[in-house]
Amino acid sequence: MSLWEALWRFGAPVVFVVGAAAAVLVALRDPPNRFSRPRGRQWAWVGLWLMTAGDSAFGTDRSWFERAWKGTTALLFAVAVTAAAWRHYRWRKHVRLTDDSPSLDTRPDS
């Protein structure tokens, strides 16, 4: 096995898993008001997530190592997006409750 082949087989998966772990940390540390839904080219990330999840779940002709790192990457990205969306949802709910407008329960019906 050449050096290039070894780097591709073992280095790339490490970079992907570390990048996904960094995405989780960013999702947990960034302010919740910076969360944005995918627009335009950002939908490509959804495609990559689906491809890695599909390869790890249904890639029967893949090695166990490839299925494991792709599954770990897909799981970490799903956790990052879920955490960011949940934090943003809670932040928006808190902002709505702290403003001076009456809540939906106490508003008179029109």
N, C-alpha and C. Protein backbone atom coordinates (compact mmCIF):
# COMPACT_ATOMS: atom_id res chain seq x y z
N MET A 1 0.85 -1.16 0.00
CA MET A 1 0.00 0.00 0.00
C MET A 1 0.90 1.24 0.00
N SER A 2 0.65 2.12 -0.94
CA SER A 2 1.45 3.34 -1.03
C SER A 2 1.04 4.34 0.04
N LEU A 3 1.87 5.34 0.23
CA LEU A 3 1.58 6.36 1.23
C LEU A 3 0.30 7.10 0.89
N TRP A 4 0.11 7.44 -0.38
CA TRP A 4 -1.09 8.15 -0.80
C TRP A 4 -2.35 7.32 -0.53
N GLU A 5 -2.28 6.04 -0.82
CA GLU A 5 -3.42 5.16 -0.57
C GLU A 5 -3.72 5.03 0.92
N ALA A 6 -2.68 4.96 1.74
CA ALA A 6 -2.87 4.88 3.19
C ALA A 6 -3.48 6.17 3.73
N LEU A 7 -3.01 7.31 3.22
CA LEU A 7 -3.59 8.58 3.65
C LEU A 7 -5.06 8.68 3.25
N TRP A 8 -5.38 8.22 2.07
CA TRP A 8 -6.76 8.29 1.60
C TRP A 8 -7.66 7.36 2.40
N ARG A 9 -7.16 6.17 2.72
CA ARG A 9 -7.98 5.20 3.45
C ARG A 9 -8.17 5.54 4.92
N PHE A 10 -7.15 6.10 5.55
CA PHE A 10 -7.22 6.33 6.99
C PHE A 10 -7.19 7.80 7.37
N GLY A 11 -6.55 8.64 6.57
CA GLY A 11 -6.47 10.06 6.89
C GLY A 11 -7.76 10.80 6.61
N ALA A 12 -8.37 10.52 5.48
CA ALA A 12 -9.63 11.19 5.12
C ALA A 12 -10.74 10.90 6.12
N PRO A 13 -10.93 9.64 6.52
CA PRO A 13 -11.96 9.40 7.53
C PRO A 13 -11.72 10.13 8.84
N VAL A 14 -10.47 10.22 9.26
CA VAL A 14 -10.17 10.94 10.50
C VAL A 14 -10.53 12.42 10.34
N VAL A 15 -10.21 13.00 9.19
CA VAL A 15 -10.53 14.40 8.95
C VAL A 15 -12.05 14.61 8.97
N PHE A 16 -12.80 13.71 8.35
CA PHE A 16 -14.26 13.83 8.32
C PHE A 16 -14.87 13.72 9.71
N VAL A 17 -14.43 12.75 10.49
CA VAL A 17 -14.99 12.55 11.83
C VAL A 17 -14.61 13.72 12.74
N VAL A 18 -13.38 14.19 12.66
CA VAL A 18 -12.97 15.35 13.47
C VAL A 18 -13.76 16.59 13.03
N GLY A 19 -13.97 16.75 11.75
CA GLY A 19 -14.77 17.88 11.26
C GLY A 19 -16.21 17.82 11.75
N ALA A 20 -16.79 16.63 11.78
CA ALA A 20 -18.15 16.48 12.29
C ALA A 20 -18.20 16.76 13.79
N ALA A 21 -17.19 16.32 14.52
CA ALA A 21 -17.13 16.62 15.96
C ALA A 21 -16.99 18.13 16.18
N ALA A 22 -16.22 18.80 15.35
CA ALA A 22 -16.08 20.25 15.45
C ALA A 22 -17.42 20.93 15.15
N ALA A 23 -18.20 20.38 14.23
CA ALA A 23 -19.52 20.94 13.93
C ALA A 23 -20.43 20.85 15.15
N VAL A 24 -20.33 19.76 15.89
CA VAL A 24 -21.12 19.63 17.12
C VAL A 24 -20.71 20.69 18.13
N LEU A 25 -19.39 20.89 18.31
CA LEU A 25 -18.92 21.90 19.24
C LEU A 25 -19.36 23.30 18.84
N VAL A 26 -19.30 23.60 17.56
CA VAL A 26 -19.73 24.91 17.07
C VAL A 26 -21.23 25.08 17.31
N ALA A 27 -22.00 24.03 17.07
CA ALA A 27 -23.45 24.12 17.27
C ALA A 27 -23.79 24.35 18.74
N LEU A 28 -22.99 23.82 19.63
CA LEU A 28 -23.26 23.99 21.06
C LEU A 28 -22.72 25.30 21.62
N ARG A 29 -21.71 25.87 20.99
CA ARG A 29 -21.07 27.08 21.52
C ARG A 29 -21.50 28.37 20.85
N ASP A 30 -21.93 28.31 19.60
CA ASP A 30 -22.35 29.53 18.90
C ASP A 30 -23.62 30.09 19.52
N PRO A 31 -23.80 31.41 19.44
CA PRO A 31 -25.05 31.99 19.93
C PRO A 31 -26.23 31.44 19.12
N PRO A 32 -27.34 31.15 19.77
CA PRO A 32 -28.47 30.54 19.06
C PRO A 32 -29.09 31.44 18.00
N ASN A 33 -28.86 32.74 18.06
CA ASN A 33 -29.45 33.62 17.05
C ASN A 33 -28.70 33.56 15.72
N ARG A 34 -27.57 32.87 15.65
CA ARG A 34 -26.81 32.76 14.40
C ARG A 34 -27.23 31.57 13.56
N PHE A 35 -28.14 30.74 14.05
CA PHE A 35 -28.60 29.57 13.31
C PHE A 35 -29.39 30.00 12.09
N SER A 36 -29.12 29.39 10.96
CA SER A 36 -29.90 29.68 9.75
C SER A 36 -30.22 28.38 9.03
N ARG A 37 -31.37 28.37 8.43
CA ARG A 37 -31.77 27.18 7.67
C ARG A 37 -31.04 27.17 6.33
N PRO A 38 -30.86 25.99 5.75
CA PRO A 38 -30.14 25.91 4.47
C PRO A 38 -30.85 26.68 3.36
N ARG A 39 -30.05 27.40 2.60
CA ARG A 39 -30.55 28.13 1.44
C ARG A 39 -29.56 27.91 0.30
N GLY A 40 -30.09 27.69 -0.88
CA GLY A 40 -29.24 27.57 -2.06
C GLY A 40 -28.27 26.41 -1.98
N ARG A 41 -26.97 26.72 -2.08
CA ARG A 41 -25.94 25.68 -2.13
C ARG A 41 -25.83 24.89 -0.83
N GLN A 42 -26.33 25.43 0.27
CA GLN A 42 -26.21 24.73 1.55
C GLN A 42 -26.99 23.43 1.58
N TRP A 43 -27.92 23.25 0.67
CA TRP A 43 -28.65 21.98 0.60
C TRP A 43 -27.74 20.84 0.19
N ALA A 44 -26.58 21.14 -0.36
CA ALA A 44 -25.63 20.09 -0.71
C ALA A 44 -25.18 19.34 0.54
N TRP A 45 -25.13 20.04 1.69
CA TRP A 45 -24.76 19.36 2.94
C TRP A 45 -25.79 18.30 3.32
N VAL A 46 -27.06 18.56 3.02
CA VAL A 46 -28.10 17.56 3.30
C VAL A 46 -27.86 16.34 2.43
N GLY A 47 -27.50 16.56 1.17
CA GLY A 47 -27.20 15.43 0.29
C GLY A 47 -26.01 14.62 0.77
N LEU A 48 -24.96 15.31 1.21
CA LEU A 48 -23.80 14.59 1.75
C LEU A 48 -24.16 13.80 3.00
N TRP A 49 -24.98 14.39 3.86
CA TRP A 49 -25.40 13.69 5.06
C TRP A 49 -26.19 12.44 4.69
N LEU A 50 -27.12 12.56 3.74
CA LEU A 50 -27.91 11.40 3.32
C LEU A 50 -27.04 10.33 2.68
N MET A 51 -26.03 10.75 1.91
CA MET A 51 -25.15 9.77 1.28
C MET A 51 -24.33 9.00 2.32
N THR A 52 -23.78 9.71 3.31
CA THR A 52 -22.99 9.01 4.33
C THR A 52 -23.87 8.12 5.18
N ALA A 53 -25.07 8.58 5.50
CA ALA A 53 -25.98 7.75 6.30
C ALA A 53 -26.41 6.52 5.51
N GLY A 54 -26.70 6.71 4.23
CA GLY A 54 -27.09 5.57 3.39
C GLY A 54 -25.96 4.58 3.19
N ASP A 55 -24.75 5.07 2.95
CA ASP A 55 -23.61 4.17 2.78
C ASP A 55 -23.33 3.37 4.06
N SER A 56 -23.50 4.02 5.20
CA SER A 56 -23.22 3.30 6.44
C SER A 56 -24.32 2.29 6.76
N ALA A 57 -25.56 2.61 6.41
CA ALA A 57 -26.66 1.71 6.74
C ALA A 57 -26.84 0.60 5.71
N PHE A 58 -26.70 0.94 4.44
CA PHE A 58 -27.03 -0.02 3.39
C PHE A 58 -25.86 -0.40 2.49
N GLY A 59 -24.67 0.02 2.81
CA GLY A 59 -23.51 -0.28 1.97
C GLY A 59 -22.95 -1.66 2.26
N THR A 60 -23.59 -2.67 1.73
CA THR A 60 -23.19 -4.04 2.05
C THR A 60 -21.84 -4.41 1.45
N ASP A 61 -21.44 -3.75 0.37
CA ASP A 61 -20.15 -4.07 -0.23
C ASP A 61 -19.03 -3.19 0.30
N ARG A 62 -19.29 -2.46 1.37
CA ARG A 62 -18.28 -1.60 2.00
C ARG A 62 -17.62 -2.35 3.15
N SER A 63 -16.40 -1.95 3.48
CA SER A 63 -15.72 -2.56 4.63
C SER A 63 -16.35 -2.04 5.92
N TRP A 64 -16.12 -2.76 7.00
CA TRP A 64 -16.69 -2.34 8.28
C TRP A 64 -16.13 -0.99 8.72
N PHE A 65 -14.86 -0.74 8.39
CA PHE A 65 -14.24 0.53 8.77
C PHE A 65 -14.90 1.69 8.05
N GLU A 66 -15.16 1.54 6.76
CA GLU A 66 -15.79 2.61 5.99
C GLU A 66 -17.22 2.85 6.47
N ARG A 67 -17.95 1.78 6.74
CA ARG A 67 -19.32 1.94 7.25
C ARG A 67 -19.32 2.60 8.62
N ALA A 68 -18.32 2.28 9.44
CA ALA A 68 -18.27 2.84 10.79
C ALA A 68 -17.98 4.34 10.76
N TRP A 69 -16.99 4.77 9.97
CA TRP A 69 -16.68 6.20 9.98
C TRP A 69 -17.76 7.01 9.29
N LYS A 70 -18.38 6.46 8.27
CA LYS A 70 -19.47 7.19 7.62
C LYS A 70 -20.68 7.29 8.54
N GLY A 71 -20.96 6.24 9.27
CA GLY A 71 -22.06 6.29 10.23
C GLY A 71 -21.79 7.26 11.36
N THR A 72 -20.55 7.28 11.84
CA THR A 72 -20.19 8.23 12.90
C THR A 72 -20.30 9.66 12.41
N THR A 73 -19.84 9.91 11.20
CA THR A 73 -19.93 11.25 10.63
C THR A 73 -21.38 11.68 10.46
N ALA A 74 -22.21 10.80 9.93
CA ALA A 74 -23.63 11.13 9.74
C ALA A 74 -24.31 11.39 11.07
N LEU A 75 -24.00 10.59 12.08
CA LEU A 75 -24.60 10.77 13.39
C LEU A 75 -24.17 12.10 14.02
N LEU A 76 -22.90 12.41 13.93
CA LEU A 76 -22.41 13.66 14.51
C LEU A 76 -23.02 14.88 13.82
N PHE A 77 -23.14 14.85 12.49
CA PHE A 77 -23.78 15.97 11.80
C PHE A 77 -25.25 16.09 12.16
N ALA A 78 -25.94 14.96 12.33
CA ALA A 78 -27.34 15.01 12.74
C ALA A 78 -27.47 15.60 14.14
N VAL A 79 -26.56 15.23 15.04
CA VAL A 79 -26.57 15.79 16.40
C VAL A 79 -26.31 17.30 16.35
N ALA A 80 -25.37 17.72 15.53
CA ALA A 80 -25.05 19.15 15.42
C ALA A 80 -26.24 19.96 14.93
N VAL A 81 -26.90 19.49 13.90
CA VAL A 81 -28.04 20.22 13.35
C VAL A 81 -29.20 20.23 14.34
N THR A 82 -29.44 19.10 14.99
CA THR A 82 -30.51 19.03 15.98
C THR A 82 -30.24 19.95 17.16
N ALA A 83 -29.02 19.96 17.65
CA ALA A 83 -28.67 20.83 18.77
C ALA A 83 -28.80 22.30 18.39
N ALA A 84 -28.33 22.67 17.23
CA ALA A 84 -28.42 24.07 16.79
C ALA A 84 -29.88 24.49 16.59
N ALA A 85 -30.67 23.63 15.99
CA ALA A 85 -32.08 23.97 15.77
C ALA A 85 -32.83 24.06 17.09
N TRP A 86 -32.57 23.15 18.01
CA TRP A 86 -33.24 23.17 19.31
C TRP A 86 -32.86 24.42 20.11
N ARG A 87 -31.58 24.77 20.11
CA ARG A 87 -31.15 25.97 20.81
C ARG A 87 -31.77 27.22 20.19
N HIS A 88 -31.86 27.26 18.87
CA HIS A 88 -32.48 28.40 18.19
C HIS A 88 -33.97 28.48 18.53
N TYR A 89 -34.65 27.35 18.54
CA TYR A 89 -36.07 27.32 18.88
C TYR A 89 -36.29 27.83 20.29
N ARG A 90 -35.50 27.36 21.26
CA ARG A 90 -35.63 27.81 22.65
C ARG A 90 -35.31 29.30 22.78
N TRP A 91 -34.30 29.77 22.03
CA TRP A 91 -33.93 31.18 22.07
C TRP A 91 -35.08 32.04 21.55
N ARG A 92 -35.69 31.64 20.42
CA ARG A 92 -36.80 32.41 19.86
C ARG A 92 -38.00 32.42 20.80
N LYS A 93 -38.26 31.28 21.44
CA LYS A 93 -39.36 31.21 22.40
C LYS A 93 -39.09 32.14 23.57
N HIS A 94 -37.86 32.18 24.05
CA HIS A 94 -37.49 33.06 25.16
C HIS A 94 -37.63 34.53 24.76
N VAL A 95 -37.20 34.86 23.54
CA VAL A 95 -37.31 36.25 23.07
C VAL A 95 -38.77 36.66 22.96
N ARG A 96 -39.61 35.77 22.46
CA ARG A 96 -41.03 36.08 22.36
C ARG A 96 -41.67 36.28 23.73
N LEU A 97 -41.27 35.49 24.71
CA LEU A 97 -41.85 35.61 26.05
C LEU A 97 -41.36 36.85 26.79
N THR A 98 -40.18 37.34 26.46
CA THR A 98 -39.65 38.50 27.18
C THR A 98 -40.08 39.83 26.59
N ASP A 99 -40.65 39.83 25.39
CA ASP A 99 -41.11 41.12 24.86
C ASP A 99 -42.41 41.52 25.56
N ASP A 100 -42.87 42.73 25.32
CA ASP A 100 -44.00 43.28 26.06
C ASP A 100 -45.36 42.92 25.49
N SER A 101 -45.41 42.23 24.38
CA SER A 101 -46.70 41.89 23.81
C SER A 101 -47.36 40.79 24.64
N PRO A 102 -48.70 40.79 24.70
CA PRO A 102 -49.36 39.74 25.49
C PRO A 102 -49.21 38.38 24.82
N SER A 103 -49.27 37.36 25.63
CA SER A 103 -49.10 36.01 25.09
C SER A 103 -50.33 35.63 24.27
N LEU A 104 -50.25 34.56 23.56
CA LEU A 104 -51.34 34.13 22.70
C LEU A 104 -52.56 33.72 23.52
N ASP A 105 -52.35 33.23 24.72
CA ASP A 105 -53.46 32.77 25.56
C ASP A 105 -54.28 33.93 26.10
N THR A 106 -53.70 35.10 26.32
CA THR A 106 -54.41 36.22 26.93
C THR A 106 -54.91 37.24 25.92
N ARG A 107 -54.64 37.06 24.64
CA ARG A 107 -55.12 37.99 23.63
C ARG A 107 -56.61 37.76 23.41
N PRO A 108 -57.38 38.83 23.25
CA PRO A 108 -58.82 38.67 23.00
C PRO A 108 -59.04 38.13 21.58
N ASP A 109 -60.09 37.33 21.44
CA ASP A 109 -60.42 36.81 20.11
C ASP A 109 -61.02 37.93 19.27
N SER A 110 -60.71 37.93 17.97
CA SER A 110 -61.22 38.97 17.08
C SER A 110 -62.43 38.47 16.35
